[in-house]
C-alpha atoms as a PDB file:
ATOM      1  CA  MET A   1    -180.137-129.879 -50.300  1.00  0.00           C
ATOM      2  CA  ARG A   2    -176.467-128.330 -50.525  1.00  0.00           C
ATOM      3  CA  ASP A   3    -176.209-125.370 -51.827  1.00  0.00           C
ATOM      4  CA  SER A   4    -173.463-125.085 -54.658  1.00  0.00           C
ATOM      5  CA  ALA A   5    -170.844-124.245 -53.703  1.00  0.00           C
ATOM      6  CA  SER A   6    -170.770-126.069 -50.597  1.00  0.00           C
ATOM      7  CA  HIS A   7    -171.003-128.863 -53.861  1.00  0.00           C
ATOM      8  CA  ASP A   8    -168.311-127.663 -55.823  1.00  0.00           C
ATOM      9  CA  ASP A   9    -165.198-128.385 -52.232  1.00  0.00           C
ATOM     10  CA  GLU A  10    -166.366-131.645 -52.321  1.00  0.00           C
ATOM     11  CA  ARG A  11    -166.068-131.943 -55.899  1.00  0.00           C
ATOM     12  CA  GLN A  12    -163.192-130.483 -55.619  1.00  0.00           C
ATOM     13  CA  GLN A  13    -161.874-132.846 -51.815  1.00  0.00           C
ATOM     14  CA  ASP A  14    -162.881-135.951 -54.216  1.00  0.00           C
ATOM     15  CA  LEU A  15    -160.861-134.523 -56.977  1.00  0.00           C
ATOM     16  CA  ILE A  16    -157.445-133.645 -54.968  1.00  0.00           C
ATOM     17  CA  SER A  17    -158.044-136.941 -52.863  1.00  0.00           C
ATOM     18  CA  GLY A  18    -158.109-139.251 -56.870  1.00  0.00           C
ATOM     19  CA  PHE A  19    -154.350-137.562 -57.703  1.00  0.00           C
ATOM     20  CA  ALA A  20    -153.627-138.148 -53.921  1.00  0.00           C
ATOM     21  CA  ALA A  21    -154.514-142.069 -54.896  1.00  0.00           C
ATOM     22  CA  GLU A  22    -152.845-142.185 -58.674  1.00  0.00           C
ATOM     23  CA  LEU A  23    -149.560-140.849 -56.763  1.00  0.00           C
ATOM     24  CA  ARG A  24    -150.038-143.371 -54.080  1.00  0.00           C
ATOM     25  CA  SER A  25    -150.030-145.826 -56.772  1.00  0.00           C
ATOM     26  CA  LEU A  26    -147.271-144.532 -58.554  1.00  0.00           C
ATOM     27  CA  ARG A  27    -145.686-145.347 -54.901  1.00  0.00           C
ATOM     28  CA  ALA A  28    -146.317-148.657 -54.314  1.00  0.00           C
ATOM     29  CA  ALA A  29    -145.975-149.424 -58.940  1.00  0.00           C
ATOM     30  CA  ALA A  30    -142.050-148.379 -57.161  1.00  0.00           C
ATOM     31  CA  GLY A  31    -141.444-150.511 -54.131  1.00  0.00           C
ATOM     32  CA  ASN A  32    -143.238-148.240 -51.996  1.00  0.00           C
ATOM     33  CA  PRO A  33    -140.268-146.872 -50.809  1.00  0.00           C
ATOM     34  CA  SER A  34    -140.077-144.351 -47.610  1.00  0.00           C
ATOM     35  CA  PHE A  35    -141.273-141.239 -47.369  1.00  0.00           C
ATOM     36  CA  ARG A  36    -137.223-140.648 -45.714  1.00  0.00           C
ATOM     37  CA  ARG A  37    -136.105-142.519 -48.753  1.00  0.00           C
ATOM     38  CA  MET A  38    -137.527-140.515 -51.154  1.00  0.00           C
ATOM     39  CA  ALA A  39    -136.014-137.472 -49.037  1.00  0.00           C
ATOM     40  CA  GLY A  40    -133.096-138.679 -49.689  1.00  0.00           C
ATOM     41  CA  ARG A  41    -133.438-139.610 -53.537  1.00  0.00           C
ATOM     42  CA  SER A  42    -134.789-135.769 -53.406  1.00  0.00           C
ATOM     43  CA  ARG A  43    -132.788-133.717 -51.347  1.00  0.00           C
ATOM     44  CA  ARG A  44    -134.476-130.798 -51.880  1.00  0.00           C
ATOM     45  CA  ILE A  45    -138.354-131.757 -50.250  1.00  0.00           C
ATOM     46  CA  SER A  46    -139.513-133.092 -47.022  1.00  0.00           C
ATOM     47  CA  HIS A  47    -140.287-136.035 -46.355  1.00  0.00           C
ATOM     48  CA  THR A  48    -143.489-134.462 -44.383  1.00  0.00           C
ATOM     49  CA  THR A  49    -144.548-132.638 -47.300  1.00  0.00           C
ATOM     50  CA  LEU A  50    -144.013-136.079 -50.010  1.00  0.00           C
ATOM     51  CA  HIS A  51    -145.853-137.456 -47.097  1.00  0.00           C
ATOM     52  CA  GLU A  52    -148.797-135.005 -47.486  1.00  0.00           C
ATOM     53  CA  ALA A  53    -149.304-135.503 -51.340  1.00  0.00           C
ATOM     54  CA  ALA A  54    -150.025-138.833 -51.119  1.00  0.00           C
ATOM     55  CA  ALA A  55    -151.942-138.594 -48.154  1.00  0.00           C
ATOM     56  CA  GLY A  56    -154.507-135.509 -50.044  1.00  0.00           C
ATOM     57  CA  SER A  57    -154.831-133.289 -47.452  1.00  0.00           C
ATOM     58  CA  ARG A  58    -154.039-130.544 -49.178  1.00  0.00           C
ATOM     59  CA  PHE A  59    -153.716-130.340 -53.399  1.00  0.00           C
ATOM     60  CA  PRO A  60    -149.718-130.371 -54.155  1.00  0.00           C
ATOM     61  CA  SER A  61    -147.744-127.875 -56.111  1.00  0.00           C
ATOM     62  CA  TRP A  62    -146.402-128.849 -59.264  1.00  0.00           C
ATOM     63  CA  ALA A  63    -142.524-128.735 -57.638  1.00  0.00           C
ATOM     64  CA  THR A  64    -143.440-131.481 -55.194  1.00  0.00           C
ATOM     65  CA  THR A  65    -145.151-133.427 -57.645  1.00  0.00           C
ATOM     66  CA  GLN A  66    -142.031-133.172 -59.870  1.00  0.00           C
ATOM     67  CA  GLU A  67    -139.986-134.342 -56.832  1.00  0.00           C
ATOM     68  CA  PHE A  68    -142.206-136.794 -55.763  1.00  0.00           C
ATOM     69  CA  VAL A  69    -142.600-138.829 -59.275  1.00  0.00           C
ATOM     70  CA  ARG A  70    -138.577-138.775 -59.363  1.00  0.00           C
ATOM     71  CA  ALA A  71    -138.277-140.448 -56.579  1.00  0.00           C
ATOM     72  CA  CYS A  72    -140.748-142.737 -58.321  1.00  0.00           C
ATOM     73  CA  GLY A  73    -139.295-142.851 -61.236  1.00  0.00           C
ATOM     74  CA  GLY A  74    -142.508-141.721 -63.252  1.00  0.00           C
ATOM     75  CA  ASP A  75    -142.323-140.073 -66.104  1.00  0.00           C
ATOM     76  CA  GLU A  76    -142.427-136.263 -65.043  1.00  0.00           C
ATOM     77  CA  GLY A  77    -143.774-134.993 -68.325  1.00  0.00           C
ATOM     78  CA  GLN A  78    -147.723-137.534 -67.504  1.00  0.00           C
ATOM     79  CA  TRP A  79    -147.402-137.092 -64.405  1.00  0.00           C
ATOM     80  CA  ARG A  80    -147.511-132.817 -65.183  1.00  0.00           C
ATOM     81  CA  SER A  81    -150.095-132.692 -67.375  1.00  0.00           C
ATOM     82  CA  ARG A  82    -152.539-134.677 -64.625  1.00  0.00           C
ATOM     83  CA  TRP A  83    -151.467-131.941 -62.315  1.00  0.00           C
ATOM     84  CA  GLU A  84    -152.469-129.677 -64.158  1.00  0.00           C
ATOM     85  CA  ARG A  85    -155.861-130.786 -65.207  1.00  0.00           C
ATOM     86  CA  VAL A  86    -156.441-131.488 -61.838  1.00  0.00           C
ATOM     87  CA  ARG A  87    -154.870-127.786 -61.002  1.00  0.00           C
ATOM     88  CA  ASP A  88    -157.809-126.195 -63.643  1.00  0.00           C
ATOM     89  CA  ALA A  89    -160.513-128.606 -62.552  1.00  0.00           C
ATOM     90  CA  THR A  90    -160.257-127.526 -58.838  1.00  0.00           C
ATOM     91  CA  ASP A  91    -159.104-123.057 -60.398  1.00  0.00           C
ATOM     92  CA  ARG A  92    -156.027-123.603 -57.190  1.00  0.00           C
ATOM     93  CA  LYS A  93    -153.643-120.799 -57.147  1.00  0.00           C
ATOM     94  CA  GLN A  94    -149.848-122.135 -56.531  1.00  0.00           C
ATOM     95  CA  ALA A  95    -148.599-120.208 -53.893  1.00  0.00           C
ATOM     96  CA  PRO A  96    -144.436-120.534 -53.927  1.00  0.00           C
ATOM     97  CA  GLU A  97    -144.273-123.087 -51.661  1.00  0.00           C
ATOM     98  CA  VAL A  98    -141.301-122.553 -48.414  1.00  0.00           C
ATOM     99  CA  TRP A  99    -139.341-126.415 -47.991  1.00  0.00           C
ATOM    100  CA  PRO A 100    -138.305-127.317 -44.989  1.00  0.00           C
ATOM    101  CA  ALA A 101    -134.308-127.693 -45.038  1.00  0.00           C
ATOM    102  CA  VAL A 102    -133.063-131.487 -45.686  1.00  0.00           C
ATOM    103  CA  PRO A 103    -130.696-132.569 -43.904  1.00  0.00           C
ATOM    104  CA  ALA A 104    -127.092-134.548 -45.279  1.00  0.00           C
ATOM    105  CA  ALA A 105    -127.535-137.852 -44.888  1.00  0.00           C
ATOM    106  CA  ASP A 106    -126.283-140.080 -42.489  1.00  0.00           C
ATOM    107  CA  PRO A 107    -122.741-140.826 -42.202  1.00  0.00           C
ATOM    108  CA  GLY A 108    -123.543-143.937 -40.452  1.00  0.00           C
ATOM    109  CA  PRO A 109    -124.101-148.151 -41.492  1.00  0.00           C
ATOM    110  CA  GLY A 110    -127.557-148.622 -43.225  1.00  0.00           C
ATOM    111  CA  ALA A 111    -129.324-147.751 -46.148  1.00  0.00           C
ATOM    112  CA  PRO A 112    -128.694-143.454 -47.610  1.00  0.00           C
ATOM    113  CA  GLY A 113    -131.453-141.210 -45.475  1.00  0.00           C
ATOM    114  CA  ARG A 114    -132.570-138.379 -44.574  1.00  0.00           C
ATOM    115  CA  ARG A 115    -133.093-137.840 -40.725  1.00  0.00           C
ATOM    116  CA  ARG A 116    -134.249-135.670 -38.532  1.00  0.00           C
ATOM    117  CA  VAL A 117    -131.768-133.440 -37.045  1.00  0.00           C
ATOM    118  CA  ILE A 118    -132.994-132.040 -33.290  1.00  0.00           C
ATOM    119  CA  VAL A 119    -129.895-129.893 -32.576  1.00  0.00           C
ATOM    120  CA  LEU A 120    -127.270-127.430 -34.646  1.00  0.00           C
ATOM    121  CA  GLY A 121    -130.444-124.962 -34.826  1.00  0.00           C
ATOM    122  CA  ALA A 122    -131.882-127.563 -38.083  1.00  0.00           C
ATOM    123  CA  LEU A 123    -135.276-124.425 -37.694  1.00  0.00           C
ATOM    124  CA  ALA A 124    -133.321-122.194 -35.476  1.00  0.00           C
ATOM    125  CA  ILE A 125    -135.517-119.132 -35.657  1.00  0.00           C
ATOM    126  CA  GLY A 126    -133.627-115.590 -34.669  1.00  0.00           C
ATOM    127  CA  ALA A 127    -134.503-115.337 -30.431  1.00  0.00           C
ATOM    128  CA  ALA A 128    -135.273-111.760 -30.694  1.00  0.00           C
ATOM    129  CA  GLY A 129    -137.816-111.878 -32.817  1.00  0.00           C
ATOM    130  CA  ALA A 130    -139.245-115.281 -31.719  1.00  0.00           C
ATOM    131  CA  LEU A 131    -140.166-113.522 -28.382  1.00  0.00           C
ATOM    132  CA  VAL A 132    -141.611-110.703 -29.978  1.00  0.00           C
ATOM    133  CA  ALA A 133    -143.104-112.282 -31.906  1.00  0.00           C
ATOM    134  CA  GLY A 134    -144.786-114.283 -28.612  1.00  0.00           C
ATOM    135  CA  PHE A 135    -146.050-111.677 -27.480  1.00  0.00           C
ATOM    136  CA  LEU A 136    -147.437-109.774 -30.594  1.00  0.00           C
ATOM    137  CA  VAL A 137    -149.719-112.803 -31.020  1.00  0.00           C
ATOM    138  CA  LEU A 138    -150.962-111.666 -27.286  1.00  0.00           C
ATOM    139  CA  GLY A 139    -151.888-108.244 -28.390  1.00  0.00           C
ATOM    140  CA  ARG A 140    -148.776-106.881 -26.259  1.00  0.00           C
ATOM    141  CA  GLN A 141    -144.493-105.440 -26.694  1.00  0.00           C
ATOM    142  CA  PRO A 142    -142.696-107.356 -24.232  1.00  0.00           C
ATOM    143  CA  PRO A 143    -141.704-105.125 -21.662  1.00  0.00           C
ATOM    144  CA  PRO A 144    -137.743-103.343 -21.868  1.00  0.00           C
ATOM    145  CA  GLY A 145    -135.136-104.887 -20.256  1.00  0.00           C
ATOM    146  CA  THR A 146    -136.784-108.641 -21.039  1.00  0.00           C
ATOM    147  CA  ALA A 147    -133.537-110.761 -21.262  1.00  0.00           C
ATOM    148  CA  SER A 148    -133.905-112.604 -24.515  1.00  0.00           C
ATOM    149  CA  PRO A 149    -133.379-116.878 -24.689  1.00  0.00           C
ATOM    150  CA  PRO A 150    -130.657-118.839 -26.257  1.00  0.00           C
ATOM    151  CA  SER A 151    -129.932-119.107 -29.492  1.00  0.00           C
ATOM    152  CA  GLY A 152    -128.456-121.623 -29.988  1.00  0.00           C
ATOM    153  CA  PRO A 153    -127.805-125.096 -26.973  1.00  0.00           C
ATOM    154  CA  LEU A 154    -127.993-123.757 -23.345  1.00  0.00           C
ATOM    155  CA  ILE A 155    -124.433-125.533 -22.332  1.00  0.00           C
ATOM    156  CA  SER A 156    -121.733-124.459 -25.182  1.00  0.00           C
ATOM    157  CA  GLY A 157    -121.095-127.543 -26.284  1.00  0.00           C
ATOM    158  CA  ASP A 158    -123.596-129.348 -25.901  1.00  0.00           C
ATOM    159  CA  ARG A 159    -125.119-131.232 -29.097  1.00  0.00           C
ATOM    160  CA  SER A 160    -127.372-133.820 -30.399  1.00  0.00           C
ATOM    161  CA  ARG A 161    -127.867-136.194 -32.838  1.00  0.00           C
ATOM    162  CA  PHE A 162    -130.945-137.694 -34.239  1.00  0.00           C
ATOM    163  CA  VAL A 163    -129.642-141.519 -35.006  1.00  0.00           C
ATOM    164  CA  THR A 164    -133.551-143.870 -36.066  1.00  0.00           C
ATOM    165  CA  ASP A 165    -137.006-144.784 -35.321  1.00  0.00           C
ATOM    166  CA  VAL A 166    -136.659-147.506 -33.329  1.00  0.00           C
ATOM    167  CA  THR A 167    -139.659-148.900 -33.414  1.00  0.00           C
ATOM    168  CA  ILE A 168    -143.314-147.518 -34.152  1.00  0.00           C
ATOM    169  CA  PRO A 169    -142.235-145.511 -37.439  1.00  0.00           C
ATOM    170  CA  ASP A 170    -143.881-142.114 -38.377  1.00  0.00           C
ATOM    171  CA  GLY A 171    -146.896-142.454 -39.623  1.00  0.00           C
ATOM    172  CA  THR A 172    -147.739-146.510 -37.831  1.00  0.00           C
ATOM    173  CA  LEU A 173    -151.168-146.804 -37.461  1.00  0.00           C
ATOM    174  CA  VAL A 174    -152.257-147.581 -34.176  1.00  0.00           C
ATOM    175  CA  LYS A 175    -156.428-148.529 -32.771  1.00  0.00           C
ATOM    176  CA  VAL A 176    -157.632-147.139 -30.800  1.00  0.00           C
ATOM    177  CA  ASN A 177    -156.719-146.814 -27.037  1.00  0.00           C
ATOM    178  CA  GLU A 178    -153.893-149.859 -28.116  1.00  0.00           C
ATOM    179  CA  THR A 179    -150.917-149.266 -25.646  1.00  0.00           C
ATOM    180  CA  PHE A 180    -147.335-149.633 -27.756  1.00  0.00           C
ATOM    181  CA  VAL A 181    -144.251-148.153 -26.409  1.00  0.00           C
ATOM    182  CA  LYS A 182    -142.170-145.805 -28.811  1.00  0.00           C
ATOM    183  CA  VAL A 183    -138.499-145.569 -28.834  1.00  0.00           C
ATOM    184  CA  TRP A 184    -136.085-143.500 -30.748  1.00  0.00           C
ATOM    185  CA  GLU A 185    -132.033-143.290 -30.631  1.00  0.00           C
ATOM    186  CA  ILE A 186    -130.420-140.556 -29.954  1.00  0.00           C
ATOM    187  CA  GLN A 187    -126.585-139.419 -30.080  1.00  0.00           C
ATOM    188  CA  ASN A 188    -124.109-136.964 -27.828  1.00  0.00           C
ATOM    189  CA  SER A 189    -122.322-135.584 -30.580  1.00  0.00           C
ATOM    190  CA  GLY A 190    -121.749-133.139 -28.842  1.00  0.00           C
ATOM    191  CA  THR A 191    -118.287-132.294 -25.936  1.00  0.00           C
ATOM    192  CA  ILE A 192    -120.460-132.528 -22.597  1.00  0.00           C
ATOM    193  CA  PHE A 193    -121.301-135.595 -20.132  1.00  0.00           C
ATOM    194  CA  TRP A 194    -124.496-136.341 -20.450  1.00  0.00           C
ATOM    195  CA  ARG A 195    -126.389-137.138 -16.832  1.00  0.00           C
ATOM    196  CA  ASN A 196    -130.297-135.747 -15.143  1.00  0.00           C
ATOM    197  CA  ARG A 197    -131.671-135.201 -18.797  1.00  0.00           C
ATOM    198  CA  TYR A 198    -135.543-135.863 -19.464  1.00  0.00           C
ATOM    199  CA  LEU A 199    -137.501-135.332 -22.727  1.00  0.00           C
ATOM    200  CA  GLU A 200    -140.279-133.522 -21.609  1.00  0.00           C
ATOM    201  CA  ARG A 201    -143.310-133.414 -23.723  1.00  0.00           C
ATOM    202  CA  ASP A 202    -143.494-130.042 -25.529  1.00  0.00           C
ATOM    203  CA  ASP A 203    -147.776-130.476 -25.724  1.00  0.00           C
ATOM    204  CA  LYS A 204    -149.020-128.789 -21.779  1.00  0.00           C
ATOM    205  CA  PRO A 205    -151.137-129.413 -20.792  1.00  0.00           C
ATOM    206  CA  VAL A 206    -151.905-132.116 -22.685  1.00  0.00           C
ATOM    207  CA  LEU A 207    -155.563-132.156 -24.617  1.00  0.00           C
ATOM    208  CA  PRO A 208    -158.022-134.360 -24.902  1.00  0.00           C
ATOM    209  CA  GLY A 209    -158.874-137.029 -27.896  1.00  0.00           C
ATOM    210  CA  GLY A 210    -154.382-137.445 -27.176  1.00  0.00           C
ATOM    211  CA  CYS A 211    -151.865-139.799 -26.485  1.00  0.00           C
ATOM    212  CA  ARG A 212    -151.096-140.018 -23.413  1.00  0.00           C
ATOM    213  CA  THR A 213    -147.912-140.917 -21.792  1.00  0.00           C
ATOM    214  CA  VAL A 214    -146.214-139.968 -18.816  1.00  0.00           C
ATOM    215  CA  GLU A 215    -144.781-135.761 -19.039  1.00  0.00           C
ATOM    216  CA  ARG A 216    -141.323-136.753 -18.721  1.00  0.00           C
ATOM    217  CA  ILE A 217    -139.097-139.377 -20.057  1.00  0.00           C
ATOM    218  CA  PRO A 218    -135.494-140.029 -18.698  1.00  0.00           C
ATOM    219  CA  ILE A 219    -132.640-140.378 -20.589  1.00  0.00           C
ATOM    220  CA  GLY A 220    -129.260-142.809 -19.412  1.00  0.00           C
ATOM    221  CA  ASP A 221    -126.219-141.300 -18.244  1.00  0.00           C
ATOM    222  CA  THR A 222    -124.274-140.959 -22.207  1.00  0.00           C
ATOM    223  CA  LEU A 223    -120.852-140.022 -22.764  1.00  0.00           C
ATOM    224  CA  PRO A 224    -120.005-137.927 -25.519  1.00  0.00           C
ATOM    225  CA  ASN A 225    -119.841-139.964 -29.020  1.00  0.00           C
ATOM    226  CA  GLU A 226    -122.029-142.225 -27.496  1.00  0.00           C
ATOM    227  CA  ARG A 227    -125.738-143.742 -28.678  1.00  0.00           C
ATOM    228  CA  VAL A 228    -128.879-143.317 -26.106  1.00  0.00           C
ATOM    229  CA  LYS A 229    -132.346-144.853 -26.695  1.00  0.00           C
ATOM    230  CA  ILE A 230    -134.918-143.665 -24.513  1.00  0.00           C
ATOM    231  CA  SER A 231    -138.753-145.405 -24.869  1.00  0.00           C
ATOM    232  CA  VAL A 232    -142.098-144.373 -23.993  1.00  0.00           C
ATOM    233  CA  THR A 233    -145.307-146.288 -23.039  1.00  0.00           C
ATOM    234  CA  VAL A 234    -148.299-144.574 -24.942  1.00  0.00           C
ATOM    235  CA  THR A 235    -151.613-145.192 -25.122  1.00  0.00           C
ATOM    236  CA  ALA A 236    -153.459-143.893 -28.145  1.00  0.00           C
ATOM    237  CA  PRO A 237    -156.606-141.993 -28.248  1.00  0.00           C
ATOM    238  CA  SER A 238    -160.689-143.527 -27.667  1.00  0.00           C
ATOM    239  CA  THR A 239    -161.079-141.866 -31.405  1.00  0.00           C
ATOM    240  CA  PRO A 240    -159.573-142.052 -34.709  1.00  0.00           C
ATOM    241  CA  GLY A 241    -157.925-138.952 -36.070  1.00  0.00           C
ATOM    242  CA  THR A 242    -153.925-138.298 -36.085  1.00  0.00           C
ATOM    243  CA  CYS A 243    -151.640-138.043 -33.070  1.00  0.00           C
ATOM    244  CA  VAL A 244    -148.403-136.010 -33.086  1.00  0.00           C
ATOM    245  CA  VAL A 245    -146.013-135.758 -30.255  1.00  0.00           C
ATOM    246  CA  LYS A 246    -143.355-133.817 -29.929  1.00  0.00           C
ATOM    247  CA  TRP A 247    -140.715-134.028 -27.413  1.00  0.00           C
ATOM    248  CA  LYS A 248    -137.479-131.393 -26.112  1.00  0.00           C
ATOM    249  CA  MET A 249    -134.547-132.565 -24.143  1.00  0.00           C
ATOM    250  CA  VAL A 250    -134.040-130.891 -20.072  1.00  0.00           C
ATOM    251  CA  ASP A 251    -132.537-130.784 -17.425  1.00  0.00           C
ATOM    252  CA  VAL A 252    -133.703-131.826 -14.108  1.00  0.00           C
ATOM    253  CA  ASN A 253    -134.865-127.866 -13.043  1.00  0.00           C
ATOM    254  CA  GLY A 254    -136.746-127.887 -16.593  1.00  0.00           C
ATOM    255  CA  ARG A 255    -134.142-125.516 -18.518  1.00  0.00           C
ATOM    256  CA  ILE A 256    -134.646-126.632 -22.235  1.00  0.00           C
ATOM    257  CA  LEU A 257    -131.267-127.524 -23.712  1.00  0.00           C
ATOM    258  CA  PHE A 258    -131.601-127.318 -27.086  1.00  0.00           C
ATOM    259  CA  PRO A 259    -133.797-124.263 -27.598  1.00  0.00           C
ATOM    260  CA  THR A 260    -134.031-123.199 -31.062  1.00  0.00           C
ATOM    261  CA  SER A 261    -133.205-126.992 -32.577  1.00  0.00           C
ATOM    262  CA  ARG A 262    -136.411-129.560 -33.559  1.00  0.00           C
ATOM    263  CA  PRO A 263    -138.347-131.715 -31.426  1.00  0.00           C
ATOM    264  CA  VAL A 264    -137.678-135.218 -31.098  1.00  0.00           C
ATOM    265  CA  PHE A 265    -141.559-136.533 -32.041  1.00  0.00           C
ATOM    266  CA  PHE A 266    -143.428-139.262 -33.117  1.00  0.00           C
ATOM    267  CA  LEU A 267    -146.406-139.846 -35.092  1.00  0.00           C
ATOM    268  CA  VAL A 268    -148.895-142.587 -36.107  1.00  0.00           C
ATOM    269  CA  HIS A 269    -152.616-142.844 -36.947  1.00  0.00           C
ATOM    270  CA  VAL A 270    -155.243-143.830 -34.705  1.00  0.00           C
ATOM    271  CA  VAL A 271    -157.892-145.848 -36.541  1.00  0.00           C
ATOM    272  CA  ASP A 272    -161.170-148.432 -35.688  1.00  0.00           C
ATOM    273  CA  GLU A 273    -161.014-152.069 -34.040  1.00  0.00           C
ATOM    274  CA  GLY A 274    -160.498-153.769 -37.496  1.00  0.00           C
ATOM    275  CA  GLU A 275    -160.083-151.631 -39.158  1.00  0.00           C
ATOM    276  CA  THR A 276    -155.693-152.390 -40.146  1.00  0.00           C
ATOM    277  CA  PRO A 277    -153.577-154.471 -37.653  1.00  0.00           C
ATOM    278  CA  SER A 278    -151.284-152.605 -36.393  1.00  0.00           C
ATOM    279  CA  GLY A 279    -147.545-151.876 -36.344  1.00  0.00           C
ATOM    280  CA  LYS A 280    -147.758-151.315 -40.298  1.00  0.00           C
ATOM    281  CA  ASP A 281    -145.544-148.320 -41.791  1.00  0.00           C
ATOM    282  CA  ALA A 282    -147.015-145.579 -43.233  1.00  0.00           C
ATOM    283  CA  ALA A 283    -146.542-146.915 -46.443  1.00  0.00           C
ATOM    284  CA  ASP A 284    -150.067-149.527 -45.960  1.00  0.00           C
ATOM    285  CA  PRO A 285    -152.246-146.924 -45.666  1.00  0.00           C
ATOM    286  CA  LEU A 286    -151.555-144.733 -48.647  1.00  0.00           C
ATOM    287  CA  SER A 287    -151.518-147.495 -50.641  1.00  0.00           C
ATOM    288  CA  ARG A 288    -154.781-148.997 -50.419  1.00  0.00           C
END
């Protein structure tokens, strides 16, 4: 027999899952716009936060729900009432939500939307503070005279801009043990000629049960203002789940060239054989 606490937790999760399903239905009625496009319309909340709200992994704040509803053309008054009913039933106090900065739309051709920026300190943290924090996690203080890591690009004038996911958009469904090729496109937006550069996995050592790839991917020589496509062959794990792999640009000696910038990454949902065909965008699992 289950205890009452366990029963309450399951009931709360059912309510949150039901609310997420309603958000997915609203998005489907709006034509299943991508989360990046929705975030571009909002300009306040990241596509990741919107994705989490629709996935039902946690109960979203009203601010997140409001932006989701606005992006899909829903009735804010009706959705406020729905949100309050779930909030009251789950008795969840809403803490202030910190939203990642939303970059400007790509000025290049194509539909407007948000992009990931992998340079210019998109999520820059004070280098000295980051170093101190790392030692505090280990319960130690940084030794006297320790050099602070660079607070910007390793080479002055060096910049990189994320352009697009050429294949496997974030949230794609893949089968267990499936092999696929992920391709990104980035731009050399600085003044430095790129030669002998690589994308290196940022999660080494790779733990069992994760997506399997090589640890380092070569980047072709790239002149300033030119774009380059970078590909990696990936094998999904043998068990269902979500797989995220992040990468940082390094030189031939393994030095991280943009230490304070956001990594480039891919995110896939791994499903059992026969559950859902591969190659689907995040809109598919979140619209069922």
